[in-house]
């Protein structure tokens, strides 16, 4: 558990952020050591929503590059079906829209790309646009058998994908906040501040307001408990992506976004509860963070 102050001077805030970033960097170093030890061609890097998977993948790539190892990251999110297809599928089945289970993925396209990578080292990878919620095109991809390929996404732990990839040599890493944070008299468990990350991330990067994130979060958590966390302990390594400063970075954005939830909304009281819990937390400016901080995934700065 991390225990932090409710407020920091600028000098103390800089030291606080630097210490948190250094601790996370050490966890990445341990992951890199495992990857080199395993010496597999593919890495499945998975974890729940807003765990920090993209930054972890990028940091691993940079550290391996410094050691002379070329690495490529392929986001499994790019294999999503178009939203209109998923909506039609949900209507046909008489259920809710499902963007979190393996059913949302175009596995035929994934199989084709994986096969071409293994056989020829070349393929055309789809590109998914989260603003239009549809496939926007393709990008040409080329690699050699010596290169490491990272498949990154919450779905990278799904058996429907890992059974396809493991045949060719696979290392698996699960990224997730593991440590609670206590600020003042409030303790925030990992799933709670990960939820806060999601509210901010969706508004900053996915054109989704707090109301929408509040609406979908229960479904996200149900899918994680059913299809993601059960496979966590089978991974080769778990990387704790808790940042001790989480609440200090998220607070000003939550204070801006949550008051916009309508009083008529069933989630209005939930929004008020969050605001009450963070009431005593003094923000720390993201401008004090390094350029490669994990928080670039959640906040534009």
C-alpha atoms as a PDB file:
ATOM      1  CA  UNK A   1       0.000   0.000   0.000  1.00  0.00           C
ATOM      2  CA  UNK A   2       1.125   3.539  -0.776  1.00  0.00           C
ATOM      3  CA  UNK A   3       0.452   6.220   1.847  1.00  0.00           C
ATOM      4  CA  UNK A   4       0.621   9.763   0.472  1.00  0.00           C
ATOM      5  CA  UNK A   5      -0.034  13.277   1.693  1.00  0.00           C
ATOM      6  CA  UNK A   6      -3.121  15.225   0.709  1.00  0.00           C
ATOM      7  CA  UNK A   7      -0.943  18.105  -0.506  1.00  0.00           C
ATOM      8  CA  UNK A   8       2.653  18.718  -1.568  1.00  0.00           C
ATOM      9  CA  UNK A   9       4.869  21.723  -2.117  1.00  0.00           C
ATOM     10  CA  UNK A  10       6.166  22.018  -5.666  1.00  0.00           C
ATOM     11  CA  UNK A  11       9.596  20.742  -4.615  1.00  0.00           C
ATOM     12  CA  UNK A  12       8.158  17.789  -2.725  1.00  0.00           C
ATOM     13  CA  UNK A  13       5.773  17.042  -5.596  1.00  0.00           C
ATOM     14  CA  UNK A  14       8.672  16.830  -8.057  1.00  0.00           C
ATOM     15  CA  UNK A  15      10.500  14.405  -5.757  1.00  0.00           C
ATOM     16  CA  UNK A  16       7.306  12.415  -5.167  1.00  0.00           C
ATOM     17  CA  UNK A  17       6.643  12.003  -8.891  1.00  0.00           C
ATOM     18  CA  UNK A  18      10.260  11.137  -9.651  1.00  0.00           C
ATOM     19  CA  UNK A  19      10.297   8.428  -6.976  1.00  0.00           C
ATOM     20  CA  UNK A  20       7.067   6.913  -8.296  1.00  0.00           C
ATOM     21  CA  UNK A  21       8.371   6.884 -11.862  1.00  0.00           C
ATOM     22  CA  UNK A  22      11.653   5.290 -10.744  1.00  0.00           C
ATOM     23  CA  UNK A  23       9.827   2.511  -8.914  1.00  0.00           C
ATOM     24  CA  UNK A  24       7.735   1.755 -11.983  1.00  0.00           C
ATOM     25  CA  UNK A  25      10.858   1.774 -14.151  1.00  0.00           C
ATOM     26  CA  UNK A  26      12.400  -0.913 -11.942  1.00  0.00           C
ATOM     27  CA  UNK A  27       9.355  -3.107 -12.535  1.00  0.00           C
ATOM     28  CA  UNK A  28       9.838  -2.652 -16.291  1.00  0.00           C
ATOM     29  CA  UNK A  29      13.495  -3.656 -15.937  1.00  0.00           C
ATOM     30  CA  UNK A  30      12.383  -6.902 -14.283  1.00  0.00           C
ATOM     31  CA  UNK A  31       9.996  -7.564 -17.179  1.00  0.00           C
ATOM     32  CA  UNK A  32      12.745  -6.975 -19.726  1.00  0.00           C
ATOM     33  CA  UNK A  33      15.009  -9.433 -17.910  1.00  0.00           C
ATOM     34  CA  UNK A  34      12.269 -12.064 -18.080  1.00  0.00           C
ATOM     35  CA  UNK A  35      11.714 -11.482 -21.804  1.00  0.00           C
ATOM     36  CA  UNK A  36      15.410 -11.907 -22.556  1.00  0.00           C
ATOM     37  CA  UNK A  37      15.541 -15.032 -20.416  1.00  0.00           C
ATOM     38  CA  UNK A  38      12.530 -16.619 -22.137  1.00  0.00           C
ATOM     39  CA  UNK A  39      13.771 -15.656 -25.614  1.00  0.00           C
ATOM     40  CA  UNK A  40      10.367 -16.227 -27.230  1.00  0.00           C
ATOM     41  CA  UNK A  41       9.314 -14.579 -30.480  1.00  0.00           C
ATOM     42  CA  UNK A  42       5.978 -13.286 -29.171  1.00  0.00           C
ATOM     43  CA  UNK A  43       4.984 -11.428 -26.012  1.00  0.00           C
ATOM     44  CA  UNK A  44       1.354 -11.236 -24.911  1.00  0.00           C
ATOM     45  CA  UNK A  45       0.993  -8.149 -22.742  1.00  0.00           C
ATOM     46  CA  UNK A  46      -2.427  -8.037 -21.160  1.00  0.00           C
ATOM     47  CA  UNK A  47      -4.293  -6.571 -18.215  1.00  0.00           C
ATOM     48  CA  UNK A  48      -7.596  -4.908 -17.362  1.00  0.00           C
ATOM     49  CA  UNK A  49      -8.883  -1.570 -18.599  1.00  0.00           C
ATOM     50  CA  UNK A  50      -6.630   1.428 -17.897  1.00  0.00           C
ATOM     51  CA  UNK A  51      -3.850  -0.636 -16.368  1.00  0.00           C
ATOM     52  CA  UNK A  52      -1.115   1.090 -18.383  1.00  0.00           C
ATOM     53  CA  UNK A  53      -0.476  -1.632 -20.961  1.00  0.00           C
ATOM     54  CA  UNK A  54       0.471   0.703 -23.821  1.00  0.00           C
ATOM     55  CA  UNK A  55       3.101   2.555 -21.806  1.00  0.00           C
ATOM     56  CA  UNK A  56       4.478  -0.713 -20.457  1.00  0.00           C
ATOM     57  CA  UNK A  57       4.798  -2.042 -24.001  1.00  0.00           C
ATOM     58  CA  UNK A  58       6.528   1.161 -25.159  1.00  0.00           C
ATOM     59  CA  UNK A  59       8.960   1.164 -22.241  1.00  0.00           C
ATOM     60  CA  UNK A  60       9.815  -2.490 -22.866  1.00  0.00           C
ATOM     61  CA  UNK A  61      10.398  -1.666 -26.527  1.00  0.00           C
ATOM     62  CA  UNK A  62      12.735   1.212 -25.675  1.00  0.00           C
ATOM     63  CA  UNK A  63      14.752  -0.795 -23.170  1.00  0.00           C
ATOM     64  CA  UNK A  64      15.134  -3.719 -25.551  1.00  0.00           C
ATOM     65  CA  UNK A  65      16.156  -1.359 -28.351  1.00  0.00           C
ATOM     66  CA  UNK A  66      18.942  -0.040 -26.122  1.00  0.00           C
ATOM     67  CA  UNK A  67      20.132  -3.649 -25.875  1.00  0.00           C
ATOM     68  CA  UNK A  68      20.030  -4.126 -29.636  1.00  0.00           C
ATOM     69  CA  UNK A  69      16.724  -6.010 -29.756  1.00  0.00           C
ATOM     70  CA  UNK A  70      14.158  -4.783 -32.276  1.00  0.00           C
ATOM     71  CA  UNK A  71      10.575  -4.896 -31.018  1.00  0.00           C
ATOM     72  CA  UNK A  72       7.194  -4.150 -32.559  1.00  0.00           C
ATOM     73  CA  UNK A  73       3.886  -3.535 -30.783  1.00  0.00           C
ATOM     74  CA  UNK A  74       0.601  -4.692 -32.290  1.00  0.00           C
ATOM     75  CA  UNK A  75      -2.540  -3.478 -30.516  1.00  0.00           C
ATOM     76  CA  UNK A  76      -5.254  -6.108 -30.392  1.00  0.00           C
ATOM     77  CA  UNK A  77      -7.789  -3.265 -30.194  1.00  0.00           C
ATOM     78  CA  UNK A  78      -7.154  -2.755 -33.907  1.00  0.00           C
ATOM     79  CA  UNK A  79      -8.905  -6.071 -34.548  1.00  0.00           C
ATOM     80  CA  UNK A  80     -12.245  -4.819 -33.193  1.00  0.00           C
ATOM     81  CA  UNK A  81     -15.257  -5.250 -35.422  1.00  0.00           C
ATOM     82  CA  UNK A  82     -16.971  -2.037 -36.515  1.00  0.00           C
ATOM     83  CA  UNK A  83     -19.485  -0.672 -34.031  1.00  0.00           C
ATOM     84  CA  UNK A  84     -22.400  -1.026 -36.440  1.00  0.00           C
ATOM     85  CA  UNK A  85     -21.659  -4.736 -36.805  1.00  0.00           C
ATOM     86  CA  UNK A  86     -21.512  -5.231 -33.021  1.00  0.00           C
ATOM     87  CA  UNK A  87     -24.736  -3.267 -32.528  1.00  0.00           C
ATOM     88  CA  UNK A  88     -26.485  -5.410 -35.125  1.00  0.00           C
ATOM     89  CA  UNK A  89     -25.105  -8.544 -33.454  1.00  0.00           C
ATOM     90  CA  UNK A  90     -26.344  -7.389 -30.040  1.00  0.00           C
ATOM     91  CA  UNK A  91     -29.800  -6.653 -31.457  1.00  0.00           C
ATOM     92  CA  UNK A  92     -29.912 -10.072 -33.124  1.00  0.00           C
ATOM     93  CA  UNK A  93     -29.011 -11.791 -29.850  1.00  0.00           C
ATOM     94  CA  UNK A  94     -31.320  -9.555 -27.822  1.00  0.00           C
ATOM     95  CA  UNK A  95     -28.523  -8.454 -25.513  1.00  0.00           C
ATOM     96  CA  UNK A  96     -26.388  -5.427 -24.735  1.00  0.00           C
ATOM     97  CA  UNK A  97     -23.504  -4.108 -26.808  1.00  0.00           C
ATOM     98  CA  UNK A  98     -20.376  -6.154 -26.066  1.00  0.00           C
ATOM     99  CA  UNK A  99     -17.022  -4.432 -26.639  1.00  0.00           C
ATOM    100  CA  UNK A 100     -15.077  -6.327 -23.998  1.00  0.00           C
ATOM    101  CA  UNK A 101     -15.310 -10.053 -24.702  1.00  0.00           C
ATOM    102  CA  UNK A 102     -13.544 -11.974 -27.455  1.00  0.00           C
ATOM    103  CA  UNK A 103     -16.762 -11.802 -29.506  1.00  0.00           C
ATOM    104  CA  UNK A 104     -15.902  -8.169 -30.320  1.00  0.00           C
ATOM    105  CA  UNK A 105     -12.742  -9.236 -32.154  1.00  0.00           C
ATOM    106  CA  UNK A 106     -12.331 -10.188 -35.788  1.00  0.00           C
ATOM    107  CA  UNK A 107     -10.479 -13.451 -35.125  1.00  0.00           C
ATOM    108  CA  UNK A 108     -10.359 -14.330 -38.815  1.00  0.00           C
ATOM    109  CA  UNK A 109      -8.390 -11.145 -39.489  1.00  0.00           C
ATOM    110  CA  UNK A 110      -6.134 -11.876 -36.511  1.00  0.00           C
ATOM    111  CA  UNK A 111      -5.458 -15.423 -37.728  1.00  0.00           C
ATOM    112  CA  UNK A 112      -4.596 -14.128 -41.177  1.00  0.00           C
ATOM    113  CA  UNK A 113      -2.172 -11.500 -39.871  1.00  0.00           C
ATOM    114  CA  UNK A 114      -0.508 -13.869 -37.403  1.00  0.00           C
ATOM    115  CA  UNK A 115      -0.074 -16.517 -40.087  1.00  0.00           C
ATOM    116  CA  UNK A 116       1.470 -14.053 -42.512  1.00  0.00           C
ATOM    117  CA  UNK A 117       3.859 -12.739 -39.844  1.00  0.00           C
ATOM    118  CA  UNK A 118       5.065 -16.259 -39.097  1.00  0.00           C
ATOM    119  CA  UNK A 119       5.274 -17.380 -42.720  1.00  0.00           C
ATOM    120  CA  UNK A 120       6.541 -14.290 -44.543  1.00  0.00           C
ATOM    121  CA  UNK A 121       7.241 -11.571 -41.962  1.00  0.00           C
ATOM    122  CA  UNK A 122       4.819  -9.280 -43.786  1.00  0.00           C
ATOM    123  CA  UNK A 123       1.160  -8.419 -43.353  1.00  0.00           C
ATOM    124  CA  UNK A 124      -1.398  -5.604 -43.505  1.00  0.00           C
ATOM    125  CA  UNK A 125      -2.608  -4.733 -40.023  1.00  0.00           C
ATOM    126  CA  UNK A 126      -6.026  -3.142 -39.500  1.00  0.00           C
ATOM    127  CA  UNK A 127      -6.349   0.282 -37.867  1.00  0.00           C
ATOM    128  CA  UNK A 128      -9.300   0.927 -35.546  1.00  0.00           C
ATOM    129  CA  UNK A 129     -10.480   4.503 -34.991  1.00  0.00           C
ATOM    130  CA  UNK A 130     -12.034   4.947 -31.524  1.00  0.00           C
ATOM    131  CA  UNK A 131     -13.615   8.248 -32.498  1.00  0.00           C
ATOM    132  CA  UNK A 132     -15.653   6.695 -35.323  1.00  0.00           C
ATOM    133  CA  UNK A 133     -15.674   3.240 -33.697  1.00  0.00           C
ATOM    134  CA  UNK A 134     -14.789   1.640 -36.992  1.00  0.00           C
ATOM    135  CA  UNK A 135     -11.871   0.322 -38.997  1.00  0.00           C
ATOM    136  CA  UNK A 136     -10.249   3.255 -40.767  1.00  0.00           C
ATOM    137  CA  UNK A 137      -7.734   1.421 -42.941  1.00  0.00           C
ATOM    138  CA  UNK A 138      -4.630  -0.747 -42.847  1.00  0.00           C
ATOM    139  CA  UNK A 139      -0.911  -0.311 -42.253  1.00  0.00           C
ATOM    140  CA  UNK A 140       1.848  -2.359 -43.809  1.00  0.00           C
ATOM    141  CA  UNK A 141       3.899  -4.349 -41.329  1.00  0.00           C
ATOM    142  CA  UNK A 142       7.233  -6.093 -41.824  1.00  0.00           C
ATOM    143  CA  UNK A 143       9.549  -7.913 -39.407  1.00  0.00           C
ATOM    144  CA  UNK A 144      12.211 -10.628 -39.233  1.00  0.00           C
ATOM    145  CA  UNK A 145      12.180 -13.912 -37.246  1.00  0.00           C
ATOM    146  CA  UNK A 146      14.658 -12.330 -34.791  1.00  0.00           C
ATOM    147  CA  UNK A 147      12.330  -9.454 -33.885  1.00  0.00           C
ATOM    148  CA  UNK A 148      10.085  -9.525 -30.806  1.00  0.00           C
ATOM    149  CA  UNK A 149       6.381  -8.955 -31.463  1.00  0.00           C
ATOM    150  CA  UNK A 150       4.255  -7.628 -28.592  1.00  0.00           C
ATOM    151  CA  UNK A 151       0.526  -8.273 -28.800  1.00  0.00           C
ATOM    152  CA  UNK A 152      -0.901  -5.664 -26.421  1.00  0.00           C
ATOM    153  CA  UNK A 153      -4.451  -5.366 -25.113  1.00  0.00           C
ATOM    154  CA  UNK A 154      -6.877  -6.624 -22.501  1.00  0.00           C
ATOM    155  CA  UNK A 155      -7.674  -9.477 -24.862  1.00  0.00           C
ATOM    156  CA  UNK A 156      -4.065 -10.731 -24.951  1.00  0.00           C
ATOM    157  CA  UNK A 157      -4.890 -13.012 -22.033  1.00  0.00           C
ATOM    158  CA  UNK A 158      -7.955 -14.594 -23.656  1.00  0.00           C
ATOM    159  CA  UNK A 159      -7.388 -18.324 -24.366  1.00  0.00           C
ATOM    160  CA  UNK A 160      -8.869 -17.853 -27.838  1.00  0.00           C
ATOM    161  CA  UNK A 161      -5.806 -15.714 -28.626  1.00  0.00           C
ATOM    162  CA  UNK A 162      -3.074 -17.233 -26.462  1.00  0.00           C
ATOM    163  CA  UNK A 163      -3.685 -20.713 -27.858  1.00  0.00           C
ATOM    164  CA  UNK A 164      -3.095 -19.313 -31.330  1.00  0.00           C
ATOM    165  CA  UNK A 165       0.088 -17.465 -30.363  1.00  0.00           C
ATOM    166  CA  UNK A 166       1.703 -19.897 -27.913  1.00  0.00           C
ATOM    167  CA  UNK A 167       2.313 -22.430 -30.675  1.00  0.00           C
ATOM    168  CA  UNK A 168       5.066 -20.139 -31.994  1.00  0.00           C
ATOM    169  CA  UNK A 169       6.740 -19.364 -28.643  1.00  0.00           C
ATOM    170  CA  UNK A 170       5.097 -16.930 -26.228  1.00  0.00           C
ATOM    171  CA  UNK A 171       5.929 -15.045 -23.036  1.00  0.00           C
ATOM    172  CA  UNK A 172       3.022 -13.521 -21.101  1.00  0.00           C
ATOM    173  CA  UNK A 173       3.002 -10.443 -18.854  1.00  0.00           C
ATOM    174  CA  UNK A 174      -0.025  -9.129 -16.963  1.00  0.00           C
ATOM    175  CA  UNK A 175      -0.081  -5.397 -16.181  1.00  0.00           C
ATOM    176  CA  UNK A 176      -2.375  -4.201 -13.426  1.00  0.00           C
ATOM    177  CA  UNK A 177      -2.459  -1.854 -10.428  1.00  0.00           C
ATOM    178  CA  UNK A 178      -1.844  -4.124  -7.452  1.00  0.00           C
ATOM    179  CA  UNK A 179      -1.360  -1.731  -4.535  1.00  0.00           C
ATOM    180  CA  UNK A 180      -3.942   0.380  -2.709  1.00  0.00           C
ATOM    181  CA  UNK A 181      -3.320   4.099  -2.129  1.00  0.00           C
ATOM    182  CA  UNK A 182      -4.177   5.914   1.097  1.00  0.00           C
ATOM    183  CA  UNK A 183      -4.481   9.694   0.890  1.00  0.00           C
ATOM    184  CA  UNK A 184      -5.387  11.382   4.142  1.00  0.00           C
ATOM    185  CA  UNK A 185      -8.196   9.312   5.667  1.00  0.00           C
ATOM    186  CA  UNK A 186      -9.298   7.748   2.379  1.00  0.00           C
ATOM    187  CA  UNK A 187      -8.041   4.412   1.018  1.00  0.00           C
ATOM    188  CA  UNK A 188      -8.494   3.714  -2.684  1.00  0.00           C
ATOM    189  CA  UNK A 189      -8.287   0.097  -3.847  1.00  0.00           C
ATOM    190  CA  UNK A 190      -6.731  -0.584  -7.279  1.00  0.00           C
ATOM    191  CA  UNK A 191     -10.032  -1.202  -9.062  1.00  0.00           C
ATOM    192  CA  UNK A 192     -11.351   2.119  -7.741  1.00  0.00           C
ATOM    193  CA  UNK A 193      -8.600   4.418  -8.988  1.00  0.00           C
ATOM    194  CA  UNK A 194      -8.389   2.378 -12.192  1.00  0.00           C
ATOM    195  CA  UNK A 195     -12.046   3.324 -12.661  1.00  0.00           C
ATOM    196  CA  UNK A 196     -11.071   6.966 -12.138  1.00  0.00           C
ATOM    197  CA  UNK A 197      -8.333   6.576 -14.751  1.00  0.00           C
ATOM    198  CA  UNK A 198     -10.961   5.249 -17.151  1.00  0.00           C
ATOM    199  CA  UNK A 199     -13.280   8.236 -16.603  1.00  0.00           C
ATOM    200  CA  UNK A 200     -10.458  10.634 -17.436  1.00  0.00           C
ATOM    201  CA  UNK A 201      -9.019   8.553 -20.296  1.00  0.00           C
ATOM    202  CA  UNK A 202     -12.385   8.157 -22.018  1.00  0.00           C
ATOM    203  CA  UNK A 203     -12.997  11.901 -21.915  1.00  0.00           C
ATOM    204  CA  UNK A 204      -9.492  12.788 -23.074  1.00  0.00           C
ATOM    205  CA  UNK A 205      -8.995  10.213 -25.804  1.00  0.00           C
ATOM    206  CA  UNK A 206     -12.277   8.521 -26.716  1.00  0.00           C
ATOM    207  CA  UNK A 207     -14.823  11.328 -26.926  1.00  0.00           C
ATOM    208  CA  UNK A 208     -16.840   9.789 -24.086  1.00  0.00           C
ATOM    209  CA  UNK A 209     -18.233  11.737 -21.139  1.00  0.00           C
ATOM    210  CA  UNK A 210     -18.252  10.633 -17.490  1.00  0.00           C
ATOM    211  CA  UNK A 211     -21.909   9.610 -17.739  1.00  0.00           C
ATOM    212  CA  UNK A 212     -21.076   7.049 -20.414  1.00  0.00           C
ATOM    213  CA  UNK A 213     -18.110   5.644 -18.492  1.00  0.00           C
ATOM    214  CA  UNK A 214     -20.241   5.308 -15.359  1.00  0.00           C
ATOM    215  CA  UNK A 215     -22.816   3.426 -17.429  1.00  0.00           C
ATOM    216  CA  UNK A 216     -20.429   0.881 -18.920  1.00  0.00           C
ATOM    217  CA  UNK A 217     -18.096   0.302 -15.963  1.00  0.00           C
ATOM    218  CA  UNK A 218     -20.114  -2.510 -14.376  1.00  0.00           C
ATOM    219  CA  UNK A 219     -20.073  -4.393 -17.667  1.00  0.00           C
ATOM    220  CA  UNK A 220     -16.334  -3.808 -17.986  1.00  0.00           C
ATOM    221  CA  UNK A 221     -15.739  -5.153 -14.482  1.00  0.00           C
ATOM    222  CA  UNK A 222     -17.989  -8.170 -15.054  1.00  0.00           C
ATOM    223  CA  UNK A 223     -16.010  -9.066 -18.160  1.00  0.00           C
ATOM    224  CA  UNK A 224     -12.701  -8.611 -16.324  1.00  0.00           C
ATOM    225  CA  UNK A 225     -13.782 -10.891 -13.506  1.00  0.00           C
ATOM    226  CA  UNK A 226     -15.080 -13.505 -15.941  1.00  0.00           C
ATOM    227  CA  UNK A 227     -12.533 -13.381 -18.765  1.00  0.00           C
ATOM    228  CA  UNK A 228      -9.363 -11.567 -17.674  1.00  0.00           C
ATOM    229  CA  UNK A 229      -8.503 -11.945 -13.990  1.00  0.00           C
ATOM    230  CA  UNK A 230      -8.989 -15.757 -13.987  1.00  0.00           C
ATOM    231  CA  UNK A 231      -5.939 -16.009 -16.291  1.00  0.00           C
ATOM    232  CA  UNK A 232      -3.804 -13.487 -14.424  1.00  0.00           C
ATOM    233  CA  UNK A 233      -1.867 -15.952 -12.278  1.00  0.00           C
ATOM    234  CA  UNK A 234      -1.057 -18.156 -15.272  1.00  0.00           C
ATOM    235  CA  UNK A 235       1.007 -15.335 -16.814  1.00  0.00           C
ATOM    236  CA  UNK A 236       4.787 -15.452 -16.554  1.00  0.00           C
ATOM    237  CA  UNK A 237       4.919 -12.126 -14.669  1.00  0.00           C
ATOM    238  CA  UNK A 238       2.637  -9.522 -13.096  1.00  0.00           C
ATOM    239  CA  UNK A 239       3.748  -5.879 -13.349  1.00  0.00           C
ATOM    240  CA  UNK A 240       2.219  -3.593 -10.720  1.00  0.00           C
ATOM    241  CA  UNK A 241       1.190  -0.374 -12.486  1.00  0.00           C
ATOM    242  CA  UNK A 242       0.055   1.526  -9.412  1.00  0.00           C
ATOM    243  CA  UNK A 243       1.529   5.002  -9.377  1.00  0.00           C
ATOM    244  CA  UNK A 244       1.582   6.475  -5.865  1.00  0.00           C
ATOM    245  CA  UNK A 245       0.562   9.853  -7.300  1.00  0.00           C
ATOM    246  CA  UNK A 246      -2.533   8.486  -9.111  1.00  0.00           C
ATOM    247  CA  UNK A 247      -5.137  10.423  -7.128  1.00  0.00           C
ATOM    248  CA  UNK A 248      -3.225  13.697  -7.242  1.00  0.00           C
ATOM    249  CA  UNK A 249      -3.078  13.589 -11.058  1.00  0.00           C
ATOM    250  CA  UNK A 250      -6.670  12.477 -11.582  1.00  0.00           C
ATOM    251  CA  UNK A 251      -8.395  14.789  -9.105  1.00  0.00           C
ATOM    252  CA  UNK A 252      -8.609  18.016 -11.168  1.00  0.00           C
ATOM    253  CA  UNK A 253     -10.024  16.154 -14.179  1.00  0.00           C
ATOM    254  CA  UNK A 254     -12.567  14.283 -12.082  1.00  0.00           C
ATOM    255  CA  UNK A 255     -13.670  17.582 -10.543  1.00  0.00           C
ATOM    256  CA  UNK A 256     -14.259  18.932 -14.024  1.00  0.00           C
ATOM    257  CA  UNK A 257     -15.993  15.894 -15.528  1.00  0.00           C
ATOM    258  CA  UNK A 258     -18.209  14.483 -12.766  1.00  0.00           C
ATOM    259  CA  UNK A 259     -20.301  17.621 -12.086  1.00  0.00           C
ATOM    260  CA  UNK A 260     -21.565  17.272 -15.662  1.00  0.00           C
ATOM    261  CA  UNK A 261     -23.423  14.065 -14.782  1.00  0.00           C
ATOM    262  CA  UNK A 262     -27.130  14.931 -14.822  1.00  0.00           C
ATOM    263  CA  UNK A 263     -29.077  15.061 -11.566  1.00  0.00           C
ATOM    264  CA  UNK A 264     -31.639  12.873 -13.326  1.00  0.00           C
ATOM    265  CA  UNK A 265     -29.037  10.186 -13.997  1.00  0.00           C
ATOM    266  CA  UNK A 266     -29.062   6.974 -11.965  1.00  0.00           C
ATOM    267  CA  UNK A 267     -25.299   7.557 -11.605  1.00  0.00           C
ATOM    268  CA  UNK A 268     -25.579  11.049 -10.152  1.00  0.00           C
ATOM    269  CA  UNK A 269     -25.060   9.885  -6.565  1.00  0.00           C
ATOM    270  CA  UNK A 270     -22.081   7.785  -7.648  1.00  0.00           C
ATOM    271  CA  UNK A 271     -20.517  10.871  -9.202  1.00  0.00           C
ATOM    272  CA  UNK A 272     -21.119  12.840  -5.992  1.00  0.00           C
ATOM    273  CA  UNK A 273     -19.560  10.057  -3.923  1.00  0.00           C
ATOM    274  CA  UNK A 274     -16.379  10.170  -5.987  1.00  0.00           C
ATOM    275  CA  UNK A 275     -16.201  13.935  -5.655  1.00  0.00           C
ATOM    276  CA  UNK A 276     -16.612  13.665  -1.885  1.00  0.00           C
ATOM    277  CA  UNK A 277     -13.875  11.054  -1.627  1.00  0.00           C
ATOM    278  CA  UNK A 278     -11.327  13.231  -3.435  1.00  0.00           C
ATOM    279  CA  UNK A 279     -12.420  16.497  -1.800  1.00  0.00           C
ATOM    280  CA  UNK A 280      -9.298  16.862   0.371  1.00  0.00           C
ATOM    281  CA  UNK A 281      -6.772  15.850  -2.296  1.00  0.00           C
ATOM    282  CA  UNK A 282      -4.707  18.676  -3.730  1.00  0.00           C
ATOM    283  CA  UNK A 283      -3.848  18.261  -7.434  1.00  0.00           C
ATOM    284  CA  UNK A 284      -0.328  17.915  -8.767  1.00  0.00           C
ATOM    285  CA  UNK A 285       0.262  19.296 -12.244  1.00  0.00           C
ATOM    286  CA  UNK A 286       1.007  16.688 -14.944  1.00  0.00           C
ATOM    287  CA  UNK A 287       3.488  19.177 -16.394  1.00  0.00           C
ATOM    288  CA  UNK A 288       5.920  17.926 -13.731  1.00  0.00           C
ATOM    289  CA  UNK A 289       5.881  14.404 -15.172  1.00  0.00           C
ATOM    290  CA  UNK A 290       8.490  13.023 -17.609  1.00  0.00           C
ATOM    291  CA  UNK A 291       7.545  12.689 -21.280  1.00  0.00           C
ATOM    292  CA  UNK A 292       7.433   8.894 -21.078  1.00  0.00           C
ATOM    293  CA  UNK A 293       5.156   8.773 -18.026  1.00  0.00           C
ATOM    294  CA  UNK A 294       2.418   6.172 -17.887  1.00  0.00           C
ATOM    295  CA  UNK A 295      -0.024   9.039 -17.414  1.00  0.00           C
ATOM    296  CA  UNK A 296       0.207  10.017 -21.074  1.00  0.00           C
ATOM    297  CA  UNK A 297      -2.275   7.165 -21.567  1.00  0.00           C
ATOM    298  CA  UNK A 298      -4.891   8.954 -19.492  1.00  0.00           C
ATOM    299  CA  UNK A 299      -4.170  12.684 -19.669  1.00  0.00           C
ATOM    300  CA  UNK A 300      -3.143  14.911 -22.574  1.00  0.00           C
ATOM    301  CA  UNK A 301      -0.232  17.109 -21.484  1.00  0.00           C
END
